[in-house]
Protein backbone atom coordinates (compact mmCIF):
# COMPACT_ATOMS: atom_id res chain seq x y z
CA MET A 1 90.54 72.30 119.95
CA MET A 2 87.15 74.10 121.15
CA PHE A 3 87.54 73.18 125.89
CA ARG A 4 83.38 72.70 126.52
CA GLY A 5 81.93 71.30 130.04
CA ARG A 6 78.76 71.31 131.81
CA LEU A 7 77.89 71.22 135.91
CA GLY A 8 76.27 67.95 136.21
CA ALA A 9 75.40 66.19 140.46
CA ARG A 10 79.20 65.34 140.92
CA GLY A 11 80.46 68.22 140.30
CA PHE A 12 82.67 69.48 137.05
CA HIS A 13 82.75 67.51 133.63
CA SER A 14 84.45 68.39 131.09
CA SER A 15 85.19 66.59 127.01
CA ILE A 16 87.37 67.94 124.57
CA THR A 17 85.52 68.50 121.11
CA ARG A 18 87.95 68.78 118.16
CA LEU A 19 86.29 71.21 115.60
CA ALA A 20 87.71 70.85 111.63
CA ILE A 21 88.50 74.14 110.01
CA LYS A 22 88.60 73.36 105.88
CA ALA A 23 90.50 75.23 103.58
CA PRO A 24 89.29 78.14 101.90
CA LYS A 25 89.54 77.78 98.29
CA ALA A 26 90.80 79.50 95.32
CA ASP A 27 88.02 82.15 93.79
CA PRO A 28 87.18 80.96 90.75
CA ILE A 29 86.36 84.06 89.16
CA PRO A 30 88.89 86.98 87.35
CA ILE A 31 89.10 90.01 88.74
CA ASN A 32 87.86 92.62 86.29
CA LYS A 33 89.90 95.10 86.25
CA LYS A 34 87.59 96.81 85.02
CA SER A 35 85.10 96.54 86.88
CA SER A 36 83.15 99.38 89.23
CA PRO A 37 83.91 100.43 92.64
CA GLN A 38 82.77 97.92 95.13
CA GLY A 39 82.42 100.12 98.27
CA PHE A 40 82.69 104.44 99.13
CA ILE A 41 84.54 106.12 102.29
CA GLN A 42 83.90 109.86 102.60
CA GLY A 43 82.20 109.44 99.81
CA GLN A 44 84.14 108.71 97.70
CA PRO A 45 84.10 105.55 95.83
CA VAL A 46 86.26 102.71 96.44
CA LYS A 47 87.21 99.23 95.35
CA ASN A 48 89.63 96.77 97.62
CA TYR A 49 92.06 96.24 95.36
CA TYR A 50 94.32 98.51 92.38
CA VAL A 51 95.22 97.65 89.24
CA ASP A 52 99.31 99.53 90.28
CA GLU A 53 102.29 100.36 87.03
CA ASN A 54 102.92 97.13 86.10
CA ASN A 55 99.28 96.06 85.42
CA ASP A 56 99.02 93.92 88.90
CA VAL A 57 96.17 93.59 90.99
CA VAL A 58 97.33 95.08 94.72
CA ILE A 59 94.45 93.78 97.00
CA ARG A 60 94.19 97.14 99.43
CA VAL A 61 92.32 100.16 99.12
CA GLN A 62 94.40 102.89 97.77
CA PRO A 63 94.62 106.70 99.96
CA ILE A 64 91.89 108.83 100.16
CA SER A 65 92.58 111.44 97.92
CA ARG A 66 93.17 115.07 99.95
CA GLU A 67 93.31 117.81 97.16
CA GLY A 68 93.09 121.73 98.64
CA GLU A 69 94.17 120.15 101.48
CA SER A 70 95.21 123.02 103.94
CA ILE A 71 99.18 122.31 105.63
CA GLU A 72 97.63 123.37 108.64
CA HIS A 73 94.67 119.93 109.10
CA LEU A 74 97.57 118.96 107.32
CA ARG A 75 99.76 119.11 109.75
CA LYS A 76 97.06 117.78 112.55
CA ARG A 77 95.31 114.42 110.34
CA LEU A 78 99.26 113.53 110.55
CA VAL A 79 99.56 113.64 114.66
CA TYR A 80 96.71 111.84 114.21
CA GLN A 81 97.52 108.91 111.86
CA SER A 82 101.06 108.77 114.07
CA ARG A 83 99.29 108.37 117.23
CA LYS A 84 96.53 105.87 115.81
CA ARG A 85 97.73 103.22 113.94
CA GLY A 86 96.76 99.96 115.73
CA ILE A 87 100.62 98.72 116.74
CA LEU A 88 101.08 100.16 120.03
CA GLU A 89 105.12 99.90 118.83
CA THR A 90 104.86 101.53 115.39
CA ASP A 91 102.38 103.88 117.56
CA LEU A 92 105.68 105.04 120.21
CA LEU A 93 108.35 105.95 117.41
CA LEU A 94 105.38 107.77 114.85
CA SER A 95 103.62 110.04 117.02
CA ARG A 96 107.16 110.26 119.41
CA PHE A 97 108.49 111.27 116.01
CA ALA A 98 105.70 113.43 114.84
CA LYS A 99 105.27 116.02 117.65
CA LYS A 100 109.11 116.39 117.36
CA TYR A 101 109.35 117.16 113.88
CA LEU A 102 106.04 117.76 111.97
CA ASP A 103 105.54 121.74 113.00
CA SER A 104 109.28 122.44 111.24
CA PHE A 105 108.18 120.19 107.62
CA ASP A 106 107.14 122.53 104.93
CA MET A 107 104.99 120.93 102.58
CA GLU A 108 107.24 118.60 100.67
CA MET A 109 108.55 117.31 103.72
CA LEU A 110 104.28 116.78 104.99
CA VAL A 111 103.66 115.30 101.90
CA GLU A 112 106.14 112.78 101.66
CA TYR A 113 105.55 111.14 105.46
CA ASP A 114 101.80 111.39 104.62
CA LYS A 115 103.13 109.01 101.46
CA LEU A 116 105.25 107.30 104.48
CA LEU A 117 101.66 106.74 106.79
CA ASP A 118 100.19 105.08 103.78
CA GLU A 119 102.90 101.87 103.70
CA LEU A 120 102.02 99.09 106.32
CA ASP A 121 102.56 99.48 110.08
CA TRP A 122 104.86 96.88 110.78
CA ASP A 123 106.33 98.04 107.40
CA ILE A 124 107.26 101.47 109.29
CA TYR A 125 108.54 100.23 111.90
CA TYR A 126 111.17 97.73 109.71
CA TRP A 127 112.22 100.64 108.00
CA ALA A 128 112.27 102.59 110.82
CA THR A 129 114.90 100.77 113.25
CA LYS A 130 116.93 99.03 110.44
CA ASN A 131 115.58 95.79 110.41
CA TYR A 132 115.49 95.02 106.09
CA LYS A 133 116.04 91.39 107.28
CA ILE A 134 112.42 91.26 107.27
CA THR A 135 111.26 93.88 105.26
CA PRO A 136 113.35 95.07 103.38
CA LEU A 137 113.23 99.18 102.00
CA PRO A 138 112.03 99.76 98.88
CA GLU A 139 113.78 101.92 96.02
CA LYS A 140 111.13 104.55 96.73
CA TRP A 141 112.87 105.33 99.70
CA GLU A 142 116.01 104.92 99.68
CA ASN A 143 116.78 108.55 99.39
CA SER A 144 113.51 110.08 101.80
CA LYS A 145 114.54 112.87 104.21
CA VAL A 146 112.06 112.05 106.90
CA LEU A 147 112.77 108.44 106.88
CA LYS A 148 116.24 109.13 107.91
CA LEU A 149 114.58 111.30 110.80
CA LEU A 150 112.43 108.88 112.27
CA GLN A 151 116.55 106.46 110.96
CA GLU A 152 117.42 108.08 114.06
CA GLU A 153 114.56 108.73 115.85
CA SER A 154 114.00 105.22 116.21
CA LYS A 155 117.81 104.61 118.23
CA ASN A 156 116.42 106.44 121.12
CA SER A 157 120.81 107.45 121.55
CA GLU A 158 119.63 108.88 125.38
CA ARG A 159 117.97 106.01 126.54
CA GLU A 160 114.22 107.83 127.51
CA ILE A 161 110.92 105.11 128.43
CA LEU A 162 109.21 105.60 125.15
CA ARG A 163 106.36 107.02 126.10
CA MET A 164 103.00 108.05 124.07
CA PRO A 165 103.48 112.49 124.12
CA ALA A 166 100.62 114.61 125.57
CA LEU A 167 98.08 115.89 123.68
CA ASP A 168 97.93 119.31 123.82
CA LYS A 169 96.43 119.87 120.14
């Protein structure tokens, strides 16, 4: 519904105009699983989909492969990615978690945390708060040390008001 108004000689007059939006039609062209990249991110070719281990098409850009990244650079990137998620609830949980734990993580834990950050924001939030009715926990995260730490941190046992940590790095 869209509202339109105009100012006439007697004052403000409004009329309501209904806009009809058609439902999108299904794409008649099937996805070519062997097609060329559809764009580039940081110079690397990407597609807006990938084929998973079950040969199913998943509509999502795969994370950028970052081989040879130093541990210092990895920590800084993870701090930034923890803070700039896009959903405030996840930003608060992950930025506080990163501030508290990332300096003590070894490379294995950092890589595990990096893979966790590749998941969708709301999925991370519901897993961290153990709300599996909304987003079930995938098998690959059931024994995650990083997720267990994040779940403990998200309990907020001290009942403190959560704020984004200061950017001191």
